[in-house]
Amino acid sequence: MKAPGKAWLEFQSVPSPDEREGKTIFTATAYFAPRGFWGFIYWYALWPFHKFIFAGLARGIASRARVLQHDF
């Protein structure tokens, strides 16, 4: 993808701190290092859309993980 800056995603899953065995906290974090003025405009103009898209991505991955967990 071409963008006015460098972008990457970080995925993290860690065991839940409570006592429920088998539960995991999953997070997806989007990073963007803008290049110049247009990089900042790009990021802040598209931030609401990215928030929606990445939240859906995280939910989809977590949902798929639950399905795969029950297959084993």
C-alpha atoms as a PDB file:
ATOM      1  CA  MET A   1       0.000   0.000   0.000  1.00  0.00           C
ATOM      2  CA  LYS A   2       1.290   3.450  -0.839  1.00  0.00           C
ATOM      3  CA  ALA A   3       0.947   5.997   1.935  1.00  0.00           C
ATOM      4  CA  PRO A   4       2.733   9.218   2.896  1.00  0.00           C
ATOM      5  CA  GLY A   5       4.654   7.519   5.671  1.00  0.00           C
ATOM      6  CA  LYS A   6       5.464   4.138   7.139  1.00  0.00           C
ATOM      7  CA  ALA A   7       2.643   1.985   8.543  1.00  0.00           C
ATOM      8  CA  TRP A   8       2.571  -1.336  10.375  1.00  0.00           C
ATOM      9  CA  LEU A   9       0.267  -3.441  12.518  1.00  0.00           C
ATOM     10  CA  GLU A  10       1.119  -5.134  15.789  1.00  0.00           C
ATOM     11  CA  PHE A  11      -0.887  -8.075  17.098  1.00  0.00           C
ATOM     12  CA  GLN A  12      -0.592  -9.235  20.682  1.00  0.00           C
ATOM     13  CA  SER A  13      -2.299 -11.982  22.640  1.00  0.00           C
ATOM     14  CA  VAL A  14      -1.703 -12.583  26.322  1.00  0.00           C
ATOM     15  CA  PRO A  15      -3.408 -14.849  28.856  1.00  0.00           C
ATOM     16  CA  SER A  16      -6.216 -13.123  30.746  1.00  0.00           C
ATOM     17  CA  PRO A  17      -5.173 -12.060  34.261  1.00  0.00           C
ATOM     18  CA  ASP A  18      -8.340 -13.431  35.844  1.00  0.00           C
ATOM     19  CA  GLU A  19      -8.827 -17.030  36.880  1.00  0.00           C
ATOM     20  CA  ARG A  20     -10.781 -18.182  33.800  1.00  0.00           C
ATOM     21  CA  GLU A  21      -8.610 -20.757  32.102  1.00  0.00           C
ATOM     22  CA  GLY A  22      -8.303 -20.586  28.356  1.00  0.00           C
ATOM     23  CA  LYS A  23      -9.189 -16.898  28.001  1.00  0.00           C
ATOM     24  CA  THR A  24      -6.902 -14.547  26.103  1.00  0.00           C
ATOM     25  CA  ILE A  25      -6.707 -10.776  25.667  1.00  0.00           C
ATOM     26  CA  PHE A  26      -6.117  -9.936  22.005  1.00  0.00           C
ATOM     27  CA  THR A  27      -5.110  -6.485  20.776  1.00  0.00           C
ATOM     28  CA  ALA A  28      -4.360  -5.094  17.334  1.00  0.00           C
ATOM     29  CA  THR A  29      -2.468  -1.790  17.238  1.00  0.00           C
ATOM     30  CA  ALA A  30      -1.941   0.309  14.121  1.00  0.00           C
ATOM     31  CA  TYR A  31       1.175   2.465  13.937  1.00  0.00           C
ATOM     32  CA  PHE A  32       1.884   5.207  11.429  1.00  0.00           C
ATOM     33  CA  ALA A  33       5.011   7.317  11.098  1.00  0.00           C
ATOM     34  CA  PRO A  34       3.885  10.176   8.843  1.00  0.00           C
ATOM     35  CA  ARG A  35       6.200  11.661   6.258  1.00  0.00           C
ATOM     36  CA  GLY A  36       5.720  15.413   6.127  1.00  0.00           C
ATOM     37  CA  PHE A  37       2.615  17.548   6.335  1.00  0.00           C
ATOM     38  CA  TRP A  38       0.534  15.349   4.001  1.00  0.00           C
ATOM     39  CA  GLY A  39       1.348  12.310   6.100  1.00  0.00           C
ATOM     40  CA  PHE A  40      -0.260  13.952   9.136  1.00  0.00           C
ATOM     41  CA  ILE A  41      -3.272  15.048   7.075  1.00  0.00           C
ATOM     42  CA  TYR A  42      -3.647  11.519   5.708  1.00  0.00           C
ATOM     43  CA  TRP A  43      -3.520   9.885   9.149  1.00  0.00           C
ATOM     44  CA  TYR A  44      -5.938  12.238  10.899  1.00  0.00           C
ATOM     45  CA  ALA A  45      -8.351  12.358   7.956  1.00  0.00           C
ATOM     46  CA  LEU A  46      -8.572   8.562   7.749  1.00  0.00           C
ATOM     47  CA  TRP A  47      -8.273   7.778  11.475  1.00  0.00           C
ATOM     48  CA  PRO A  48     -12.041   7.275  12.039  1.00  0.00           C
ATOM     49  CA  PHE A  49     -12.202   4.783   9.151  1.00  0.00           C
ATOM     50  CA  HIS A  50      -9.067   2.970  10.259  1.00  0.00           C
ATOM     51  CA  LYS A  51     -10.447   2.678  13.797  1.00  0.00           C
ATOM     52  CA  PHE A  52     -13.582   1.000  12.448  1.00  0.00           C
ATOM     53  CA  ILE A  53     -11.668  -1.302  10.079  1.00  0.00           C
ATOM     54  CA  PHE A  54      -9.044  -2.399  12.623  1.00  0.00           C
ATOM     55  CA  ALA A  55     -11.643  -3.026  15.334  1.00  0.00           C
ATOM     56  CA  GLY A  56     -13.492  -5.292  12.894  1.00  0.00           C
ATOM     57  CA  LEU A  57     -10.231  -7.005  11.982  1.00  0.00           C
ATOM     58  CA  ALA A  58      -9.469  -7.727  15.636  1.00  0.00           C
ATOM     59  CA  ARG A  59     -12.988  -9.065  16.241  1.00  0.00           C
ATOM     60  CA  GLY A  60     -12.721 -11.279  13.156  1.00  0.00           C
ATOM     61  CA  ILE A  61      -9.383 -12.742  14.215  1.00  0.00           C
ATOM     62  CA  ALA A  62     -10.647 -13.373  17.766  1.00  0.00           C
ATOM     63  CA  SER A  63     -13.810 -14.989  16.416  1.00  0.00           C
ATOM     64  CA  ARG A  64     -11.822 -17.272  14.121  1.00  0.00           C
ATOM     65  CA  ALA A  65      -9.536 -18.235  17.013  1.00  0.00           C
ATOM     66  CA  ARG A  66     -12.584 -19.253  19.085  1.00  0.00           C
ATOM     67  CA  VAL A  67     -13.846 -21.422  16.216  1.00  0.00           C
ATOM     68  CA  LEU A  68     -10.455 -23.076  15.779  1.00  0.00           C
ATOM     69  CA  GLN A  69     -10.171 -23.671  19.528  1.00  0.00           C
ATOM     70  CA  HIS A  70     -13.389 -25.706  19.493  1.00  0.00           C
ATOM     71  CA  ASP A  71     -12.193 -27.797  16.533  1.00  0.00           C
ATOM     72  CA  PHE A  72      -9.443 -29.348  18.660  1.00  0.00           C
END
